[in-house]
N, C-alpha and C. Protein backbone atom coordinates (compact mmCIF):
# COMPACT_ATOMS: atom_id res chain seq x y z
N MET A 1 19.30 18.43 1.20
CA MET A 1 18.64 17.77 2.29
C MET A 1 17.29 17.19 1.88
N PRO A 2 16.44 17.90 1.14
CA PRO A 2 15.18 17.30 0.72
C PRO A 2 15.39 16.08 -0.19
N ALA A 3 16.46 16.09 -0.96
CA ALA A 3 16.71 14.95 -1.85
C ALA A 3 17.05 13.70 -1.06
N SER A 4 17.80 13.82 0.03
CA SER A 4 18.13 12.65 0.83
C SER A 4 16.91 12.13 1.57
N ALA A 5 16.04 13.02 2.01
CA ALA A 5 14.80 12.57 2.67
C ALA A 5 13.90 11.85 1.69
N LEU A 6 13.80 12.36 0.49
CA LEU A 6 12.99 11.72 -0.54
C LEU A 6 13.57 10.37 -0.94
N THR A 7 14.89 10.30 -1.05
CA THR A 7 15.53 9.03 -1.39
C THR A 7 15.33 7.99 -0.30
N GLY A 8 15.45 8.40 0.95
CA GLY A 8 15.22 7.49 2.06
C GLY A 8 13.80 6.99 2.11
N ALA A 9 12.85 7.87 1.89
CA ALA A 9 11.44 7.47 1.88
C ALA A 9 11.14 6.51 0.74
N LEU A 10 11.69 6.78 -0.43
CA LEU A 10 11.48 5.88 -1.57
C LEU A 10 12.13 4.52 -1.34
N PHE A 11 13.30 4.52 -0.70
CA PHE A 11 13.97 3.27 -0.37
C PHE A 11 13.12 2.43 0.57
N LEU A 12 12.55 3.06 1.61
CA LEU A 12 11.72 2.31 2.54
C LEU A 12 10.44 1.81 1.89
N LEU A 13 9.85 2.59 1.00
CA LEU A 13 8.67 2.11 0.27
C LEU A 13 9.00 0.91 -0.61
N LEU A 14 10.13 0.97 -1.28
CA LEU A 14 10.55 -0.13 -2.13
C LEU A 14 10.82 -1.39 -1.31
N VAL A 15 11.53 -1.25 -0.21
CA VAL A 15 11.84 -2.39 0.65
C VAL A 15 10.56 -2.98 1.25
N ASP A 16 9.63 -2.13 1.64
CA ASP A 16 8.37 -2.60 2.21
C ASP A 16 7.59 -3.40 1.18
N ASN A 17 7.52 -2.90 -0.03
CA ASN A 17 6.82 -3.64 -1.09
C ASN A 17 7.51 -4.96 -1.41
N LEU A 18 8.84 -4.95 -1.43
CA LEU A 18 9.57 -6.20 -1.69
C LEU A 18 9.35 -7.22 -0.59
N SER A 19 9.36 -6.78 0.66
CA SER A 19 9.20 -7.72 1.77
C SER A 19 7.79 -8.29 1.81
N ARG A 20 6.80 -7.54 1.40
CA ARG A 20 5.43 -8.05 1.37
C ARG A 20 5.21 -8.99 0.20
N ALA A 21 5.86 -8.75 -0.91
CA ALA A 21 5.65 -9.56 -2.11
C ALA A 21 6.53 -10.81 -2.13
N ALA A 22 7.60 -10.83 -1.35
CA ALA A 22 8.56 -11.94 -1.43
C ALA A 22 7.99 -13.24 -0.88
N THR A 23 7.27 -13.17 0.20
CA THR A 23 6.73 -14.39 0.81
C THR A 23 5.27 -14.17 1.21
N ALA A 24 4.62 -15.28 1.60
CA ALA A 24 3.23 -15.19 2.03
C ALA A 24 3.12 -14.50 3.38
N MET A 25 4.12 -14.70 4.25
CA MET A 25 4.08 -14.02 5.54
C MET A 25 4.93 -12.75 5.48
N GLU A 26 4.55 -11.77 6.27
CA GLU A 26 5.28 -10.51 6.24
C GLU A 26 6.60 -10.62 6.99
N ILE A 27 7.65 -10.15 6.34
CA ILE A 27 8.97 -10.08 6.97
C ILE A 27 9.08 -8.68 7.56
N PRO A 28 9.58 -8.55 8.80
CA PRO A 28 9.72 -7.21 9.38
C PRO A 28 10.57 -6.28 8.51
N LEU A 29 10.17 -5.05 8.46
CA LEU A 29 10.82 -4.07 7.60
C LEU A 29 12.28 -3.85 7.98
N GLY A 30 12.59 -3.89 9.26
CA GLY A 30 13.97 -3.68 9.71
C GLY A 30 14.91 -4.76 9.21
N ILE A 31 14.45 -6.00 9.18
CA ILE A 31 15.29 -7.10 8.70
C ILE A 31 15.55 -6.94 7.21
N THR A 32 14.51 -6.65 6.45
CA THR A 32 14.68 -6.48 5.00
C THR A 32 15.56 -5.29 4.68
N THR A 33 15.38 -4.20 5.41
CA THR A 33 16.19 -3.01 5.19
C THR A 33 17.66 -3.28 5.49
N SER A 34 17.94 -4.01 6.56
CA SER A 34 19.33 -4.29 6.90
C SER A 34 19.97 -5.25 5.91
N VAL A 35 19.20 -6.21 5.40
CA VAL A 35 19.75 -7.16 4.42
C VAL A 35 20.13 -6.42 3.13
N ILE A 36 19.33 -5.46 2.73
CA ILE A 36 19.63 -4.71 1.51
C ILE A 36 20.61 -3.58 1.79
N GLY A 37 20.46 -2.89 2.92
CA GLY A 37 21.26 -1.71 3.20
C GLY A 37 22.69 -1.97 3.62
N ALA A 38 22.95 -3.07 4.32
CA ALA A 38 24.30 -3.35 4.80
C ALA A 38 25.30 -3.53 3.66
N PRO A 39 25.00 -4.34 2.64
CA PRO A 39 25.96 -4.44 1.53
C PRO A 39 26.17 -3.11 0.79
N LEU A 40 25.10 -2.33 0.65
CA LEU A 40 25.26 -1.02 0.00
C LEU A 40 26.14 -0.09 0.82
N PHE A 41 25.99 -0.13 2.15
CA PHE A 41 26.81 0.69 3.03
C PHE A 41 28.28 0.27 2.94
N LEU A 42 28.53 -1.04 2.93
CA LEU A 42 29.91 -1.51 2.79
C LEU A 42 30.51 -1.11 1.45
N LEU A 43 29.71 -1.16 0.40
CA LEU A 43 30.18 -0.72 -0.92
C LEU A 43 30.57 0.75 -0.90
N LEU A 44 29.75 1.58 -0.26
CA LEU A 44 30.08 3.00 -0.14
C LEU A 44 31.35 3.22 0.67
N LEU A 45 31.54 2.45 1.74
CA LEU A 45 32.77 2.56 2.53
C LEU A 45 34.00 2.19 1.71
N LEU A 46 33.90 1.14 0.93
CA LEU A 46 35.03 0.73 0.09
C LEU A 46 35.35 1.79 -0.97
N ARG A 47 34.33 2.38 -1.54
CA ARG A 47 34.56 3.41 -2.56
C ARG A 47 35.24 4.65 -1.97
N THR A 48 34.80 5.06 -0.79
CA THR A 48 35.41 6.25 -0.19
C THR A 48 36.82 5.95 0.28
N LYS A 49 37.08 4.73 0.69
CA LYS A 49 38.44 4.37 1.11
C LYS A 49 39.40 4.46 -0.07
N ARG A 50 38.94 4.03 -1.23
CA ARG A 50 39.78 4.13 -2.43
C ARG A 50 40.00 5.58 -2.84
N ALA A 51 38.98 6.41 -2.67
CA ALA A 51 39.09 7.81 -3.05
C ALA A 51 40.08 8.56 -2.15
N TRP A 52 40.20 8.15 -0.88
CA TRP A 52 41.11 8.81 0.05
C TRP A 52 42.54 8.33 -0.12
N SER A 53 42.71 7.17 -0.69
CA SER A 53 44.08 6.64 -0.85
C SER A 53 44.82 7.29 -1.99
């Protein structure tokens, strides 16, 4: 459990830094997180689907 909390916190720090450095204006953190997180979530779903088959 502490490892997942640490991973989540590091992910948000990384996304926040990327969103601030990408453009001159700040992009909301939720938008940047969803753009990066949604493909990763779909990849995890596909991997588990293959493992169950």
